Structure formats: structure tokens, C-alpha cells
Amino acid sequence: MPNACTFERILLDSGAYTQYKQGGVVDIEGYLDWVARFPHIDAFAGLDDIGGDYKRSLRNYEKGGFPTIHDQDPPELLDDLIPIARSAGGWIGIGCTPDDSGRRMGREDWLLRTLKRIPDDLHVHGFALRHYSYIPRFDSFDSTAWFRSAMRLRKIIGPWLMHDEAIELSIKQCMRSVRFPADPGEAEQEGLFDS
């Protein structure tokens, strides 16, 4: 019997954020070997350098995966990332460097300017940008909040709730959250959106 998959689309992440926060090193060849174990994915993130070394990111993108533009990258870098995104399955990532508390608030202006420059034929994945879900240009988000919420659900309901079902419920909860607040800046200040 073939494996059942709960989700219609699957994107794989590189672990660049963990590398950034914990100071480890993701072995690019090991990452690509791991990605090869999942032939039915829609796309995978190229190993980017969240710390600001966009030239290292570009070297890694040559080995595969879709690129990501960060708020600390030079704006003109996006022009180089668009053709890479097209050749990597039509996906591009966008990310903001977290502040000392781990939040990514106050970046709406940069996000809107950047998203406006991304062609409509590309899918946009927001890395840990769920609190900006009111911006309609995003096609997907990842969030550790989904994982934490799924773990809380499993504790409440018990082991009968499968892990992927718990995550699916967490995602549905996110999708039901406010998508178009009257004043997004006010919603950010009140902490209505978590990262």
C-alpha cells in the first residue's frame, strides 16, 4: 500500500535558521543527499546564509534549491535570485532577520516593496512570517508555532491524534486567523501575530 500523505504540497527546509541560531554548520552535500530521499516534494529551500553572507548563499544555490531574499541583503540581489527561483521549480523564499527577542515585527514596508518586485509567476514562501499572513502575495509559510501548537493538541487529545493530523489542525487554525486586520501595524503592536 502506498504511503498516504496528509498534505497536497511539500517544501523542504534547509536548516539555515538553526545554523544561524546555534552556530553549527549544515553540510550542503549531506543536505542534498537528505533531499534526494524525498522524490515527490514540490521544492526545497536552498541553503541560505541568514547571517548576511549573500555571496555564500549564491554559491549554495548553484548546488540546488530555491533562493531566499532577506531584509539585510542588498535589494539588487533580488534581480539575481529571480532566474534562480524560476529554474528551481518556481519558488522563492523571503525572510526577515529576527530581533533579539526572536520577533520579526515592523518589516511590513520592506516586505511590501520586495513582494511587489517578485514576478507573479513565482510562488512566494515566507520563512517564519506567519504574522504577515494578511499580505495576499504569500503562497505559503512555515512556522515553529504550528509545530508547538500541534504538540499541545496531542497532549490534550492524546496519542490517537497522529502527528501529521495535529499539524494539519494547527495549520487550519492559522488559516482561520485574521488575514486582513484593519490596521496591520496595530495588530503587530498588540502581539496578535506570533512568529
Protein backbone atom coordinates (compact mmCIF):
# COMPACT_ATOMS: atom_id res chain seq x y z
CA MET A 1 0.00 0.00 0.00
CA PRO A 2 1.49 3.41 -0.94
CA ASN A 3 2.24 5.93 1.77
CA ALA A 4 -0.62 8.33 2.34
CA CYS A 5 0.27 12.00 2.54
CA THR A 6 -1.86 14.43 4.50
CA PHE A 7 -0.68 17.50 2.63
CA GLU A 8 -1.10 18.37 -1.04
CA ARG A 9 2.24 20.16 -1.34
CA ILE A 10 5.54 19.70 0.45
CA LEU A 11 8.50 22.06 0.66
CA LEU A 12 11.67 21.04 2.48
CA ASP A 13 13.68 23.48 4.56
CA SER A 14 17.47 23.57 4.76
CA GLY A 15 18.03 24.16 8.47
CA ALA A 16 19.69 27.53 7.79
CA TYR A 17 17.89 29.17 10.72
CA THR A 18 19.09 26.51 13.14
CA GLN A 19 22.59 27.04 11.78
CA TYR A 20 22.21 30.79 12.28
CA LYS A 21 20.91 30.49 15.86
CA GLN A 22 23.07 27.63 17.13
CA GLY A 23 26.25 28.36 15.22
CA GLY A 24 26.54 24.89 13.67
CA VAL A 25 27.28 24.16 10.06
CA VAL A 26 24.87 22.48 7.65
CA ASP A 27 26.85 20.27 5.29
CA ILE A 28 25.48 21.17 1.85
CA GLU A 29 26.26 17.75 0.36
CA GLY A 30 24.62 15.98 3.31
CA TYR A 31 21.58 18.24 2.93
CA LEU A 32 21.29 17.43 -0.78
CA ASP A 33 21.59 13.70 -0.01
CA TRP A 34 18.76 14.07 2.51
CA VAL A 35 16.60 15.96 -0.03
CA ALA A 36 17.14 13.14 -2.55
CA ARG A 37 15.31 10.78 -0.17
CA PHE A 38 12.06 12.68 -0.94
CA PRO A 39 11.47 12.47 -4.70
CA HIS A 40 7.84 13.65 -4.53
CA ILE A 41 8.37 17.07 -2.95
CA ASP A 42 7.32 20.23 -4.74
CA ALA A 43 10.52 22.14 -3.98
CA PHE A 44 13.30 22.52 -1.43
CA ALA A 45 14.95 25.57 0.05
CA GLY A 46 18.49 26.28 -1.00
CA LEU A 47 20.91 26.60 1.90
CA ASP A 48 20.99 30.32 2.56
CA ASP A 49 23.20 32.30 4.89
CA ILE A 50 20.87 34.15 7.24
CA GLY A 51 23.82 35.93 8.84
CA GLY A 52 24.19 38.20 5.81
CA ASP A 53 26.76 36.48 3.57
CA TYR A 54 24.60 36.55 0.45
CA LYS A 55 27.59 35.51 -1.72
CA ARG A 56 27.77 32.25 0.25
CA SER A 57 24.04 31.82 -0.34
CA LEU A 58 24.54 32.30 -4.09
CA ARG A 59 27.29 29.64 -4.14
CA ASN A 60 24.97 27.24 -2.31
CA TYR A 61 22.07 27.94 -4.70
CA GLU A 62 24.29 26.76 -7.56
CA LYS A 63 24.00 23.29 -5.99
CA GLY A 64 20.21 23.37 -5.87
CA GLY A 65 17.13 24.59 -4.08
CA PHE A 66 15.07 27.73 -4.30
CA PRO A 67 16.66 31.02 -3.18
CA THR A 68 15.62 33.31 -0.35
CA ILE A 69 15.89 37.09 -0.13
CA HIS A 70 16.46 38.54 3.36
CA ASP A 71 15.87 42.01 4.71
CA GLN A 72 19.62 42.51 5.28
CA ASP A 73 20.50 41.53 1.68
CA PRO A 74 21.19 44.27 -0.88
CA PRO A 75 17.90 45.00 -2.71
CA GLU A 76 19.51 44.47 -6.12
CA LEU A 77 20.21 40.83 -5.17
CA LEU A 78 16.57 40.03 -5.93
CA ASP A 79 17.30 40.54 -9.65
CA ASP A 80 19.84 37.68 -9.45
CA LEU A 81 17.52 35.44 -7.41
CA ILE A 82 14.53 35.58 -9.76
CA PRO A 83 16.11 33.45 -12.55
CA ILE A 84 17.42 31.01 -9.91
CA ALA A 85 13.90 30.73 -8.49
CA ARG A 86 12.46 30.00 -11.93
CA SER A 87 14.99 27.25 -12.53
CA ALA A 88 14.38 25.79 -9.04
CA GLY A 89 10.71 24.98 -9.51
CA GLY A 90 9.19 28.45 -9.47
CA TRP A 91 9.58 29.15 -5.74
CA ILE A 92 11.34 31.98 -3.93
CA GLY A 93 11.69 32.48 -0.19
CA ILE A 94 11.53 35.70 1.73
CA GLY A 95 12.78 36.16 5.27
CA CYS A 96 13.42 38.78 7.91
CA THR A 97 16.19 38.57 10.45
CA PRO A 98 14.65 38.24 13.91
CA ASP A 99 15.37 40.82 16.59
CA ASP A 100 16.90 39.84 19.95
CA SER A 101 13.52 38.56 21.16
CA GLY A 102 13.10 36.39 18.05
CA ARG A 103 10.32 38.52 16.57
CA ARG A 104 10.11 39.89 13.04
CA MET A 105 7.83 42.88 13.61
CA GLY A 106 7.94 46.23 11.82
CA ARG A 107 9.08 44.86 8.46
CA GLU A 108 5.87 45.38 6.50
CA ASP A 109 7.24 48.23 4.34
CA TRP A 110 10.26 46.17 3.28
CA LEU A 111 8.09 43.11 2.65
CA LEU A 112 5.60 45.04 0.50
CA ARG A 113 8.38 46.67 -1.55
CA THR A 114 10.11 43.33 -2.06
CA LEU A 115 6.95 41.35 -2.83
CA LYS A 116 5.96 43.96 -5.41
CA ARG A 117 9.20 43.24 -7.29
CA ILE A 118 8.68 39.44 -7.38
CA PRO A 119 7.01 38.37 -10.65
CA ASP A 120 3.56 36.80 -10.42
CA ASP A 121 4.77 33.53 -11.98
CA LEU A 122 6.79 32.75 -8.84
CA HIS A 123 5.38 31.21 -5.65
CA VAL A 124 6.48 33.07 -2.52
CA HIS A 125 7.27 31.24 0.71
CA GLY A 126 7.52 33.34 3.88
CA PHE A 127 10.03 31.95 6.35
CA ALA A 128 8.58 32.41 9.87
CA LEU A 129 6.44 35.28 8.62
CA ARG A 130 3.02 33.96 9.59
CA HIS A 131 2.19 37.23 11.36
CA TYR A 132 2.24 38.83 7.90
CA SER A 133 -0.37 36.40 6.55
CA TYR A 134 -2.66 39.35 5.79
CA ILE A 135 -0.39 40.15 2.82
CA PRO A 136 -2.06 38.22 -0.02
CA ARG A 137 1.08 37.74 -2.13
CA PHE A 138 2.41 34.96 0.12
CA ASP A 139 1.64 31.43 -1.09
CA SER A 140 2.92 29.57 1.96
CA PHE A 141 4.54 29.97 5.36
CA ASP A 142 6.47 27.81 7.72
CA SER A 143 6.31 28.36 11.42
CA THR A 144 7.56 26.63 14.50
CA ALA A 145 4.32 27.91 16.04
CA TRP A 146 2.48 25.26 14.00
CA PHE A 147 4.71 22.57 15.47
CA ARG A 148 4.30 23.83 19.04
CA SER A 149 0.53 24.09 18.58
CA ALA A 150 0.43 20.54 17.19
CA MET A 151 2.32 19.24 20.23
CA ARG A 152 -0.17 20.97 22.56
CA LEU A 153 -3.08 19.38 20.66
CA ARG A 154 -1.55 15.93 21.00
CA LYS A 155 -1.17 16.43 24.76
CA ILE A 156 -4.85 17.41 25.03
CA ILE A 157 -6.34 14.78 22.71
CA GLY A 158 -3.84 12.03 23.33
CA PRO A 159 -1.81 9.63 21.19
CA TRP A 160 -4.83 8.85 18.99
CA LEU A 161 -4.17 12.09 17.12
CA MET A 162 -1.39 11.40 14.62
CA HIS A 163 1.42 13.96 14.38
CA ASP A 164 0.55 14.97 10.80
CA GLU A 165 -3.13 15.35 11.78
CA ALA A 166 -2.14 17.61 14.67
CA ILE A 167 -0.06 19.78 12.35
CA GLU A 168 -2.92 19.90 9.84
CA LEU A 169 -5.26 21.13 12.59
CA SER A 170 -2.69 23.75 13.61
CA ILE A 171 -2.46 24.98 10.02
CA LYS A 172 -6.25 25.19 9.77
CA GLN A 173 -6.24 27.24 12.96
CA CYS A 174 -3.71 29.60 11.38
CA MET A 175 -5.77 29.85 8.19
CA ARG A 176 -8.79 30.88 10.26
CA SER A 177 -6.85 33.64 11.98
CA VAL A 178 -7.34 37.21 10.88
CA ARG A 179 -5.98 37.64 7.35
CA PHE A 180 -6.76 41.31 6.80
CA PRO A 181 -6.61 43.35 10.01
CA ALA A 182 -7.94 46.90 9.80
CA ASP A 183 -4.58 48.25 10.91
CA PRO A 184 -1.77 45.67 10.49
CA GLY A 185 0.69 47.87 12.39
CA GLU A 186 -1.68 48.00 15.36
CA ALA A 187 -2.13 44.22 15.24
CA GLU A 188 1.65 43.79 15.34
CA GLN A 189 1.98 46.08 18.35
CA GLU A 190 -0.69 44.16 20.22
CA GLY A 191 1.14 40.92 19.53
CA LEU A 192 -1.77 39.32 17.69
CA PHE A 193 0.60 37.55 15.35
CA ASP A 194 3.36 35.25 16.58
CA SER A 195 6.37 34.21 14.54
